[in-house]
């Protein structure tokens, strides 16, 4: 099962997702997409604009990353919950720096 991941290297929450993927090496098959690359940004926006999963993120001025797209094509922002559902380890890392939302409060 391959999941698609949309994120950005400067996103603090994306750092925890990257660490979680590394902690589950060999158990998680993924395609990484960096939204600072125009092709990946375009693919992400197509998903973000079409899915109600992002309604709250859009309303709150958030980008909506990290976002995972499961093997069945479902976008999810609750990647931690998804990892736990799969029996995968969730690793948290603390990264200082600006958050991804307009007001700087979250991703």
PDB file of N, CA and C in Angstrom:
ATOM      1  N   UNK A   1       0.844  -1.170   0.000  1.00  0.00           N
ATOM      2  CA  UNK A   1       0.000   0.000   0.000  1.00  0.00           C
ATOM      3  C   UNK A   1       0.897   1.243   0.000  1.00  0.00           C
ATOM      4  N   UNK A   2       0.698   2.115  -0.975  1.00  0.00           N
ATOM      5  CA  UNK A   2       1.477   3.345  -1.076  1.00  0.00           C
ATOM      6  C   UNK A   2       0.587   4.526  -0.746  1.00  0.00           C
ATOM      7  N   UNK A   3       1.091   5.400   0.119  1.00  0.00           N
ATOM      8  CA  UNK A   3       0.385   6.632   0.412  1.00  0.00           C
ATOM      9  C   UNK A   3       1.151   7.787  -0.219  1.00  0.00           C
ATOM     10  N   UNK A   4       0.403   8.786  -0.631  1.00  0.00           N
ATOM     11  CA  UNK A   4       1.007  10.007  -1.165  1.00  0.00           C
ATOM     12  C   UNK A   4       1.023  11.036  -0.053  1.00  0.00           C
ATOM     13  N   UNK A   5       2.137  11.743   0.072  1.00  0.00           N
ATOM     14  CA  UNK A   5       2.287  12.732   1.125  1.00  0.00           C
ATOM     15  C   UNK A   5       2.584  14.082   0.486  1.00  0.00           C
ATOM     16  N   UNK A   6       1.803  15.083   0.870  1.00  0.00           N
ATOM     17  CA  UNK A   6       2.025  16.447   0.420  1.00  0.00           C
ATOM     18  C   UNK A   6       2.460  17.263   1.622  1.00  0.00           C
ATOM     19  N   UNK A   7       3.578  17.951   1.478  1.00  0.00           N
ATOM     20  CA  UNK A   7       4.099  18.752   2.568  1.00  0.00           C
ATOM     21  C   UNK A   7       5.130  19.733   2.065  1.00  0.00           C
ATOM     22  N   UNK A   8       5.853  20.314   3.018  1.00  0.00           N
ATOM     23  CA  UNK A   8       6.894  21.290   2.711  1.00  0.00           C
ATOM     24  C   UNK A   8       7.993  21.157   3.754  1.00  0.00           C
ATOM     25  N   UNK A   9       9.260  21.280   3.348  1.00  0.00           N
ATOM     26  CA  UNK A   9      10.369  21.108   4.292  1.00  0.00           C
ATOM     27  C   UNK A   9      10.333  22.068   5.487  1.00  0.00           C
ATOM     28  N   UNK A  10       9.747  23.250   5.341  1.00  0.00           N
ATOM     29  CA  UNK A  10       9.714  24.220   6.432  1.00  0.00           C
ATOM     30  C   UNK A  10       8.518  24.037   7.365  1.00  0.00           C
ATOM     31  N   UNK A  11       7.630  23.119   7.061  1.00  0.00           N
ATOM     32  CA  UNK A  11       6.425  22.900   7.864  1.00  0.00           C
ATOM     33  C   UNK A  11       6.782  22.100   9.117  1.00  0.00           C
ATOM     34  N   UNK A  12       6.530  22.662  10.309  1.00  0.00           N
ATOM     35  CA  UNK A  12       6.874  21.939  11.546  1.00  0.00           C
ATOM     36  C   UNK A  12       6.157  20.600  11.689  1.00  0.00           C
ATOM     37  N   UNK A  13       4.891  20.520  11.312  1.00  0.00           N
ATOM     38  CA  UNK A  13       4.153  19.268  11.443  1.00  0.00           C
ATOM     39  C   UNK A  13       4.644  18.221  10.441  1.00  0.00           C
ATOM     40  N   UNK A  14       5.120  18.681   9.301  1.00  0.00           N
ATOM     41  CA  UNK A  14       5.667  17.756   8.300  1.00  0.00           C
ATOM     42  C   UNK A  14       6.913  17.057   8.828  1.00  0.00           C
ATOM     43  N   UNK A  15       7.648  17.723   9.729  1.00  0.00           N
ATOM     44  CA  UNK A  15       8.846  17.114  10.312  1.00  0.00           C
ATOM     45  C   UNK A  15       8.474  15.881  11.127  1.00  0.00           C
ATOM     46  N   UNK A  16       7.380  15.953  11.876  1.00  0.00           N
ATOM     47  CA  UNK A  16       6.931  14.780  12.642  1.00  0.00           C
ATOM     48  C   UNK A  16       6.483  13.662  11.718  1.00  0.00           C
ATOM     49  N   UNK A  17       5.830  14.010  10.627  1.00  0.00           N
ATOM     50  CA  UNK A  17       5.422  12.984   9.661  1.00  0.00           C
ATOM     51  C   UNK A  17       6.651  12.315   9.052  1.00  0.00           C
ATOM     52  N   UNK A  18       7.659  13.105   8.664  1.00  0.00           N
ATOM     53  CA  UNK A  18       8.892  12.518   8.116  1.00  0.00           C
ATOM     54  C   UNK A  18       9.539  11.579   9.124  1.00  0.00           C
ATOM     55  N   UNK A  19       9.609  12.015  10.398  1.00  0.00           N
ATOM     56  CA  UNK A  19      10.210  11.181  11.443  1.00  0.00           C
ATOM     57  C   UNK A  19       9.405   9.894  11.635  1.00  0.00           C
ATOM     58  N   UNK A  20       8.096   9.989  11.534  1.00  0.00           N
ATOM     59  CA  UNK A  20       7.256   8.809  11.678  1.00  0.00           C
ATOM     60  C   UNK A  20       7.469   7.833  10.527  1.00  0.00           C
ATOM     61  N   UNK A  21       7.637   8.352   9.330  1.00  0.00           N
ATOM     62  CA  UNK A  21       7.907   7.483   8.175  1.00  0.00           C
ATOM     63  C   UNK A  21       9.235   6.755   8.385  1.00  0.00           C
ATOM     64  N   UNK A  22      10.242   7.478   8.842  1.00  0.00           N
ATOM     65  CA  UNK A  22      11.546   6.853   9.081  1.00  0.00           C
ATOM     66  C   UNK A  22      11.465   5.812  10.198  1.00  0.00           C
ATOM     67  N   UNK A  23      10.649   6.074  11.224  1.00  0.00           N
ATOM     68  CA  UNK A  23      10.505   5.133  12.334  1.00  0.00           C
ATOM     69  C   UNK A  23       9.803   3.854  11.902  1.00  0.00           C
ATOM     70  N   UNK A  24       9.095   3.906  10.787  1.00  0.00           N
ATOM     71  CA  UNK A  24       8.365   2.747  10.268  1.00  0.00           C
ATOM     72  C   UNK A  24       8.977   2.239   8.974  1.00  0.00           C
ATOM     73  N   UNK A  25      10.265   2.444   8.816  1.00  0.00           N
ATOM     74  CA  UNK A  25      10.947   2.063   7.581  1.00  0.00           C
ATOM     75  C   UNK A  25      10.636   0.613   7.213  1.00  0.00           C
ATOM     76  N   UNK A  26      10.261   0.434   5.964  1.00  0.00           N
ATOM     77  CA  UNK A  26       9.925  -0.884   5.477  1.00  0.00           C
ATOM     78  C   UNK A  26       8.456  -1.239   5.643  1.00  0.00           C
ATOM     79  N   UNK A  27       7.745  -0.489   6.472  1.00  0.00           N
ATOM     80  CA  UNK A  27       6.321  -0.752   6.698  1.00  0.00           C
ATOM     81  C   UNK A  27       5.446   0.247   5.959  1.00  0.00           C
ATOM     82  N   UNK A  28       6.001   1.414   5.645  1.00  0.00           N
ATOM     83  CA  UNK A  28       5.241   2.484   4.999  1.00  0.00           C
ATOM     84  C   UNK A  28       5.826   2.727   3.621  1.00  0.00           C
ATOM     85  N   UNK A  29       5.022   2.538   2.600  1.00  0.00           N
ATOM     86  CA  UNK A  29       5.427   2.849   1.236  1.00  0.00           C
ATOM     87  C   UNK A  29       4.786   4.187   0.879  1.00  0.00           C
ATOM     88  N   UNK A  30       5.591   5.125   0.432  1.00  0.00           N
ATOM     89  CA  UNK A  30       5.046   6.453   0.188  1.00  0.00           C
ATOM     90  C   UNK A  30       5.683   7.127  -1.008  1.00  0.00           C
ATOM     91  N   UNK A  31       4.947   8.103  -1.536  1.00  0.00           N
ATOM     92  CA  UNK A  31       5.457   9.032  -2.541  1.00  0.00           C
ATOM     93  C   UNK A  31       5.428  10.404  -1.884  1.00  0.00           C
ATOM     94  N   UNK A  32       6.558  11.068  -1.827  1.00  0.00           N
ATOM     95  CA  UNK A  32       6.616  12.396  -1.235  1.00  0.00           C
ATOM     96  C   UNK A  32       6.433  13.480  -2.287  1.00  0.00           C
ATOM     97  N   UNK A  33       5.660  14.487  -1.944  1.00  0.00           N
ATOM     98  CA  UNK A  33       5.398  15.609  -2.842  1.00  0.00           C
ATOM     99  C   UNK A  33       5.643  16.908  -2.083  1.00  0.00           C
ATOM    100  N   UNK A  34       6.600  17.693  -2.535  1.00  0.00           N
ATOM    101  CA  UNK A  34       6.972  18.966  -1.923  1.00  0.00           C
ATOM    102  C   UNK A  34       6.184  20.069  -2.623  1.00  0.00           C
ATOM    103  N   UNK A  35       5.286  20.727  -1.895  1.00  0.00           N
ATOM    104  CA  UNK A  35       4.412  21.709  -2.533  1.00  0.00           C
ATOM    105  C   UNK A  35       5.143  22.976  -2.957  1.00  0.00           C
ATOM    106  N   UNK A  36       6.439  23.069  -2.676  1.00  0.00           N
ATOM    107  CA  UNK A  36       7.188  24.207  -3.219  1.00  0.00           C
ATOM    108  C   UNK A  36       7.568  23.966  -4.683  1.00  0.00           C
ATOM    109  N   UNK A  37       7.358  22.742  -5.150  1.00  0.00           N
ATOM    110  CA  UNK A  37       7.555  22.412  -6.560  1.00  0.00           C
ATOM    111  C   UNK A  37       6.222  22.602  -7.274  1.00  0.00           C
ATOM    112  N   UNK A  38       6.206  23.352  -8.352  1.00  0.00           N
ATOM    113  CA  UNK A  38       4.950  23.727  -8.991  1.00  0.00           C
ATOM    114  C   UNK A  38       4.088  22.534  -9.393  1.00  0.00           C
ATOM    115  N   UNK A  39       4.681  21.492  -9.920  1.00  0.00           N
ATOM    116  CA  UNK A  39       3.900  20.318 -10.316  1.00  0.00           C
ATOM    117  C   UNK A  39       3.211  19.695  -9.096  1.00  0.00           C
ATOM    118  N   UNK A  40       3.948  19.581  -7.983  1.00  0.00           N
ATOM    119  CA  UNK A  40       3.372  19.018  -6.758  1.00  0.00           C
ATOM    120  C   UNK A  40       2.329  19.962  -6.161  1.00  0.00           C
ATOM    121  N   UNK A  41       2.584  21.262  -6.225  1.00  0.00           N
ATOM    122  CA  UNK A  41       1.616  22.242  -5.733  1.00  0.00           C
ATOM    123  C   UNK A  41       0.313  22.137  -6.525  1.00  0.00           C
ATOM    124  N   UNK A  42       0.427  22.024  -7.822  1.00  0.00           N
ATOM    125  CA  UNK A  42      -0.759  21.901  -8.669  1.00  0.00           C
ATOM    126  C   UNK A  42      -1.563  20.653  -8.294  1.00  0.00           C
ATOM    127  N   UNK A  43      -0.895  19.532  -8.106  1.00  0.00           N
ATOM    128  CA  UNK A  43      -1.578  18.287  -7.727  1.00  0.00           C
ATOM    129  C   UNK A  43      -2.242  18.438  -6.358  1.00  0.00           C
ATOM    130  N   UNK A  44      -1.549  19.085  -5.414  1.00  0.00           N
ATOM    131  CA  UNK A  44      -2.110  19.294  -4.084  1.00  0.00           C
ATOM    132  C   UNK A  44      -3.341  20.191  -4.138  1.00  0.00           C
ATOM    133  N   UNK A  45      -3.250  21.288  -4.883  1.00  0.00           N
ATOM    134  CA  UNK A  45      -4.389  22.205  -4.968  1.00  0.00           C
ATOM    135  C   UNK A  45      -5.606  21.549  -5.602  1.00  0.00           C
ATOM    136  N   UNK A  46      -5.400  20.667  -6.554  1.00  0.00           N
ATOM    137  CA  UNK A  46      -6.524  19.946  -7.159  1.00  0.00           C
ATOM    138  C   UNK A  46      -7.241  19.103  -6.109  1.00  0.00           C
ATOM    139  N   UNK A  47      -6.477  18.482  -5.230  1.00  0.00           N
ATOM    140  CA  UNK A  47      -7.070  17.686  -4.150  1.00  0.00           C
ATOM    141  C   UNK A  47      -7.723  18.606  -3.124  1.00  0.00           C
ATOM    142  N   UNK A  48      -7.008  19.637  -2.709  1.00  0.00           N
ATOM    143  CA  UNK A  48      -7.490  20.569  -1.672  1.00  0.00           C
ATOM    144  C   UNK A  48      -8.760  21.283  -2.102  1.00  0.00           C
ATOM    145  N   UNK A  49      -8.826  21.698  -3.346  1.00  0.00           N
ATOM    146  CA  UNK A  49      -9.988  22.447  -3.820  1.00  0.00           C
ATOM    147  C   UNK A  49     -11.229  21.578  -3.971  1.00  0.00           C
ATOM    148  N   UNK A  50     -11.050  20.278  -4.122  1.00  0.00           N
ATOM    149  CA  UNK A  50     -12.178  19.385  -4.389  1.00  0.00           C
ATOM    150  C   UNK A  50     -12.684  18.645  -3.154  1.00  0.00           C
ATOM    151  N   UNK A  51     -11.930  18.631  -2.079  1.00  0.00           N
ATOM    152  CA  UNK A  51     -12.285  17.781  -0.948  1.00  0.00           C
ATOM    153  C   UNK A  51     -12.801  18.569   0.254  1.00  0.00           C
ATOM    154  N   UNK A  52     -13.931  18.127   0.802  1.00  0.00           N
ATOM    155  CA  UNK A  52     -14.444  18.772   2.011  1.00  0.00           C
ATOM    156  C   UNK A  52     -13.568  18.528   3.241  1.00  0.00           C
ATOM    157  N   UNK A  53     -12.617  17.598   3.144  1.00  0.00           N
ATOM    158  CA  UNK A  53     -11.679  17.359   4.245  1.00  0.00           C
ATOM    159  C   UNK A  53     -10.941  18.653   4.599  1.00  0.00           C
ATOM    160  N   UNK A  54     -10.782  19.531   3.615  1.00  0.00           N
ATOM    161  CA  UNK A  54     -10.029  20.763   3.814  1.00  0.00           C
ATOM    162  C   UNK A  54     -10.892  21.962   4.189  1.00  0.00           C
ATOM    163  N   UNK A  55     -12.191  21.770   4.377  1.00  0.00           N
ATOM    164  CA  UNK A  55     -13.082  22.899   4.670  1.00  0.00           C
ATOM    165  C   UNK A  55     -12.604  23.714   5.867  1.00  0.00           C
ATOM    166  N   UNK A  56     -12.305  23.048   6.977  1.00  0.00           N
ATOM    167  CA  UNK A  56     -11.861  23.763   8.175  1.00  0.00           C
ATOM    168  C   UNK A  56     -10.514  24.437   7.947  1.00  0.00           C
ATOM    169  N   UNK A  57      -9.611  23.768   7.252  1.00  0.00           N
ATOM    170  CA  UNK A  57      -8.294  24.358   6.974  1.00  0.00           C
ATOM    171  C   UNK A  57      -8.454  25.641   6.160  1.00  0.00           C
ATOM    172  N   UNK A  58      -9.274  25.587   5.128  1.00  0.00           N
ATOM    173  CA  UNK A  58      -9.491  26.778   4.309  1.00  0.00           C
ATOM    174  C   UNK A  58     -10.132  27.889   5.138  1.00  0.00           C
ATOM    175  N   UNK A  59     -11.121  27.543   5.938  1.00  0.00           N
ATOM    176  CA  UNK A  59     -11.822  28.526   6.769  1.00  0.00           C
ATOM    177  C   UNK A  59     -10.880  29.194   7.756  1.00  0.00           C
ATOM    178  N   UNK A  60      -9.925  28.432   8.296  1.00  0.00           N
ATOM    179  CA  UNK A  60      -9.003  28.941   9.306  1.00  0.00           C
ATOM    180  C   UNK A  60      -7.723  29.528   8.722  1.00  0.00           C
ATOM    181  N   UNK A  61      -7.644  29.636   7.396  1.00  0.00           N
ATOM    182  CA  UNK A  61      -6.456  30.205   6.768  1.00  0.00           C
ATOM    183  C   UNK A  61      -5.241  29.307   6.834  1.00  0.00           C
ATOM    184  N   UNK A  62      -5.471  28.003   6.877  1.00  0.00           N
ATOM    185  CA  UNK A  62      -4.377  27.044   6.921  1.00  0.00           C
ATOM    186  C   UNK A  62      -4.156  26.446   5.537  1.00  0.00           C
ATOM    187  N   UNK A  63      -2.962  25.975   5.303  1.00  0.00           N
ATOM    188  CA  UNK A  63      -2.632  25.376   4.011  1.00  0.00           C
ATOM    189  C   UNK A  63      -3.275  24.000   3.879  1.00  0.00           C
ATOM    190  N   UNK A  64      -3.191  23.219   4.957  1.00  0.00           N
ATOM    191  CA  UNK A  64      -3.716  21.858   4.904  1.00  0.00           C
ATOM    192  C   UNK A  64      -2.630  20.830   4.679  1.00  0.00           C
ATOM    193  N   UNK A  65      -1.438  21.124   5.187  1.00  0.00           N
ATOM    194  CA  UNK A  65      -0.340  20.162   5.131  1.00  0.00           C
ATOM    195  C   UNK A  65       0.121  19.879   6.546  1.00  0.00           C
ATOM    196  N   UNK A  66       0.677  18.740   6.772  1.00  0.00           N
ATOM    197  CA  UNK A  66       0.834  17.664   5.814  1.00  0.00           C
ATOM    198  C   UNK A  66      -0.503  17.006   5.503  1.00  0.00           C
ATOM    199  N   UNK A  67      -0.594  16.547   4.304  1.00  0.00           N
ATOM    200  CA  UNK A  67      -1.774  15.823   3.836  1.00  0.00           C
ATOM    201  C   UNK A  67      -1.293  14.489   3.302  1.00  0.00           C
ATOM    202  N   UNK A  68      -2.000  13.442   3.681  1.00  0.00           N
ATOM    203  CA  UNK A  68      -1.721  12.147   3.081  1.00  0.00           C
ATOM    204  C   UNK A  68      -2.914  11.766   2.221  1.00  0.00           C
ATOM    205  N   UNK A  69      -2.639  11.067   1.157  1.00  0.00           N
ATOM    206  CA  UNK A  69      -3.692  10.500   0.320  1.00  0.00           C
ATOM    207  C   UNK A  69      -3.493   8.992   0.375  1.00  0.00           C
ATOM    208  N   UNK A  70      -4.495   8.317   0.929  1.00  0.00           N
ATOM    209  CA  UNK A  70      -4.385   6.878   1.150  1.00  0.00           C
ATOM    210  C   UNK A  70      -4.467   6.124  -0.177  1.00  0.00           C
ATOM    211  N   UNK A  71      -4.207   4.848  -0.112  1.00  0.00           N
ATOM    212  CA  UNK A  71      -4.195   4.018  -1.326  1.00  0.00           C
ATOM    213  C   UNK A  71      -5.527   4.042  -2.059  1.00  0.00           C
ATOM    214  N   UNK A  72      -6.626   4.282  -1.329  1.00  0.00           N
ATOM    215  CA  UNK A  72      -7.935   4.338  -1.981  1.00  0.00           C
ATOM    216  C   UNK A  72      -8.269   5.730  -2.520  1.00  0.00           C
ATOM    217  N   UNK A  73      -7.303   6.668  -2.415  1.00  0.00           N
ATOM    218  CA  UNK A  73      -7.490   8.011  -2.965  1.00  0.00           C
ATOM    219  C   UNK A  73      -8.102   9.013  -2.010  1.00  0.00           C
ATOM    220  N   UNK A  74      -8.296   8.626  -0.750  1.00  0.00           N
ATOM    221  CA  UNK A  74      -8.895   9.529   0.229  1.00  0.00           C
ATOM    222  C   UNK A  74      -7.847  10.445   0.850  1.00  0.00           C
ATOM    223  N   UNK A  75      -8.058  11.772   0.762  1.00  0.00           N
ATOM    224  CA  UNK A  75      -7.133  12.688   1.431  1.00  0.00           C
ATOM    225  C   UNK A  75      -7.442  12.747   2.920  1.00  0.00           C
ATOM    226  N   UNK A  76      -6.392  12.834   3.720  1.00  0.00           N
ATOM    227  CA  UNK A  76      -6.553  12.920   5.171  1.00  0.00           C
ATOM    228  C   UNK A  76      -5.560  13.905   5.740  1.00  0.00           C
ATOM    229  N   UNK A  77      -6.048  14.711   6.669  1.00  0.00           N
ATOM    230  CA  UNK A  77      -5.175  15.617   7.402  1.00  0.00           C
ATOM    231  C   UNK A  77      -4.790  15.028   8.754  1.00  0.00           C
ATOM    232  N   UNK A  78      -5.519  14.029   9.201  1.00  0.00           N
ATOM    233  CA  UNK A  78      -5.267  13.380  10.487  1.00  0.00           C
ATOM    234  C   UNK A  78      -4.294  12.211  10.320  1.00  0.00           C
ATOM    235  N   UNK A  79      -3.114  12.526   9.835  1.00  0.00           N
ATOM    236  CA  UNK A  79      -2.152  11.478   9.518  1.00  0.00           C
ATOM    237  C   UNK A  79      -1.777  10.660  10.750  1.00  0.00           C
ATOM    238  N   UNK A  80      -1.730  11.299  11.922  1.00  0.00           N
ATOM    239  CA  UNK A  80      -1.379  10.550  13.138  1.00  0.00           C
ATOM    240  C   UNK A  80      -2.410   9.450  13.402  1.00  0.00           C
ATOM    241  N   UNK A  81      -3.674   9.801  13.297  1.00  0.00           N
ATOM    242  CA  UNK A  81      -4.737   8.819  13.504  1.00  0.00           C
ATOM    243  C   UNK A  81      -4.637   7.701  12.466  1.00  0.00           C
ATOM    244  N   UNK A  82      -4.377   8.064  11.218  1.00  0.00           N
ATOM    245  CA  UNK A  82      -4.244   7.061  10.162  1.00  0.00           C
ATOM    246  C   UNK A  82      -3.087   6.113  10.463  1.00  0.00           C
ATOM    247  N   UNK A  83      -1.942   6.653  10.882  1.00  0.00           N
ATOM    248  CA  UNK A  83      -0.803   5.794  11.213  1.00  0.00           C
ATOM    249  C   UNK A  83      -1.179   4.829  12.335  1.00  0.00           C
ATOM    250  N   UNK A  84      -1.839   5.336  13.362  1.00  0.00           N
ATOM    251  CA  UNK A  84      -2.236   4.466  14.477  1.00  0.00           C
ATOM    252  C   UNK A  84      -3.213   3.391  14.014  1.00  0.00           C
ATOM    253  N   UNK A  85      -4.145   3.754  13.123  1.00  0.00           N
ATOM    254  CA  UNK A  85      -5.085   2.767  12.580  1.00  0.00           C
ATOM    255  C   UNK A  85      -4.355   1.644  11.854  1.00  0.00           C
ATOM    256  N   UNK A  86      -3.237   1.974  11.222  1.00  0.00           N
ATOM    257  CA  UNK A  86      -2.457   0.983  10.479  1.00  0.00           C
ATOM    258  C   UNK A  86      -1.506   0.197  11.384  1.00  0.00           C
ATOM    259  N   UNK A  87      -1.416   0.591  12.654  1.00  0.00           N
ATOM    260  CA  UNK A  87      -0.484  -0.067  13.570  1.00  0.00           C
ATOM    261  C   UNK A  87       0.939   0.446  13.430  1.00  0.00           C
ATOM    262  N   UNK A  88       1.089   1.631  12.863  1.00  0.00           N
ATOM    263  CA  UNK A  88       2.400   2.236  12.666  1.00  0.00           C
ATOM    264  C   UNK A  88       2.719   3.187  13.808  1.00  0.00           C
ATOM    265  N   UNK A  89       3.985   3.338  14.084  1.00  0.00           N
ATOM    266  CA  UNK A  89       4.463   4.216  15.141  1.00  0.00           C
ATOM    267  C   UNK A  89       4.356   5.683  14.704  1.00  0.00           C
ATOM    268  N   UNK A  90       3.953   6.536  15.645  1.00  0.00           N
ATOM    269  CA  UNK A  90       3.928   7.979  15.423  1.00  0.00           C
ATOM    270  C   UNK A  90       5.053   8.583  16.251  1.00  0.00           C
ATOM    271  N   UNK A  91       5.922   9.323  15.592  1.00  0.00           N
ATOM    272  CA  UNK A  91       7.054   9.956  16.250  1.00  0.00           C
ATOM    273  C   UNK A  91       6.879  11.466  16.182  1.00  0.00           C
ATOM    274  N   UNK A  92       6.969  12.115  17.333  1.00  0.00           N
ATOM    275  CA  UNK A  92       6.838  13.569  17.379  1.00  0.00           C
ATOM    276  C   UNK A  92       8.220  14.206  17.499  1.00  0.00           C
ATOM    277  N   UNK A  93       8.440  15.229  16.729  1.00  0.00           N
ATOM    278  CA  UNK A  93       9.659  16.012  16.854  1.00  0.00           C
ATOM    279  C   UNK A  93       9.258  17.468  17.044  1.00  0.00           C
ATOM    280  N   UNK A  94      10.061  18.171  17.774  1.00  0.00           N
ATOM    281  CA  UNK A  94       9.797  19.586  18.013  1.00  0.00           C
ATOM    282  C   UNK A  94      10.706  20.405  17.105  1.00  0.00           C
ATOM    283  N   UNK A  95      10.091  21.201  16.278  1.00  0.00           N
ATOM    284  CA  UNK A  95      10.829  22.040  15.343  1.00  0.00           C
ATOM    285  C   UNK A  95      10.398  23.472  15.577  1.00  0.00           C
ATOM    286  N   UNK A  96      11.339  24.337  15.839  1.00  0.00           N
ATOM    287  CA  UNK A  96      10.979  25.736  16.023  1.00  0.00           C
ATOM    288  C   UNK A  96      10.922  26.405  14.661  1.00  0.00           C
ATOM    289  N   UNK A  97      10.124  27.416  14.583  1.00  0.00           N
ATOM    290  CA  UNK A  97       9.976  28.134  13.333  1.00  0.00           C
ATOM    291  C   UNK A  97       8.533  28.480  13.102  1.00  0.00           C
ATOM    292  N   UNK A  98       8.277  29.220  12.058  1.00  0.00           N
ATOM    293  CA  UNK A  98       6.900  29.661  11.796  1.00  0.00           C
ATOM    294  C   UNK A  98       6.007  28.498  11.416  1.00  0.00           C
ATOM    295  N   UNK A  99       4.755  28.620  11.807  1.00  0.00           N
ATOM    296  CA  UNK A  99       3.761  27.624  11.408  1.00  0.00           C
ATOM    297  C   UNK A  99       3.216  27.978  10.037  1.00  0.00           C
ATOM    298  N   UNK A 100       2.386  27.100   9.504  1.00  0.00           N
ATOM    299  CA  UNK A 100       1.924  27.251   8.127  1.00  0.00           C
ATOM    300  C   UNK A 100       0.664  28.086   7.966  1.00  0.00           C
ATOM    301  N   UNK A 101      -0.042  28.382   9.050  1.00  0.00           N
ATOM    302  CA  UNK A 101      -1.280  29.132   8.909  1.00  0.00           C
ATOM    303  C   UNK A 101      -1.005  30.626   8.823  1.00  0.00           C
ATOM    304  N   UNK A 102      -1.979  31.348   8.339  1.00  0.00           N
ATOM    305  CA  UNK A 102      -1.827  32.799   8.162  1.00  0.00           C
ATOM    306  C   UNK A 102      -1.488  33.493   9.477  1.00  0.00           C
ATOM    307  N   UNK A 103      -2.134  33.062  10.573  1.00  0.00           N
ATOM    308  CA  UNK A 103      -1.890  33.714  11.859  1.00  0.00           C
ATOM    309  C   UNK A 103      -0.708  33.120  12.619  1.00  0.00           C
ATOM    310  N   UNK A 104      -0.041  32.135  12.032  1.00  0.00           N
ATOM    311  CA  UNK A 104       1.144  31.545  12.637  1.00  0.00           C
ATOM    312  C   UNK A 104       0.851  30.553  13.744  1.00  0.00           C
ATOM    313  N   UNK A 105      -0.405  30.104  13.872  1.00  0.00           N
ATOM    314  CA  UNK A 105      -0.768  29.249  15.005  1.00  0.00           C
ATOM    315  C   UNK A 105      -0.747  27.759  14.699  1.00  0.00           C
ATOM    316  N   UNK A 106      -0.665  27.354  13.484  1.00  0.00           N
ATOM    317  CA  UNK A 106      -0.701  25.930  13.163  1.00  0.00           C
ATOM    318  C   UNK A 106      -0.406  25.675  11.707  1.00  0.00           C
ATOM    319  N   UNK A 107      -0.556  24.437  11.299  1.00  0.00           N
ATOM    320  CA  UNK A 107      -0.294  24.067   9.923  1.00  0.00           C
ATOM    321  C   UNK A 107      -1.583  23.764   9.217  1.00  0.00           C
TER     322      UNK A 107
END
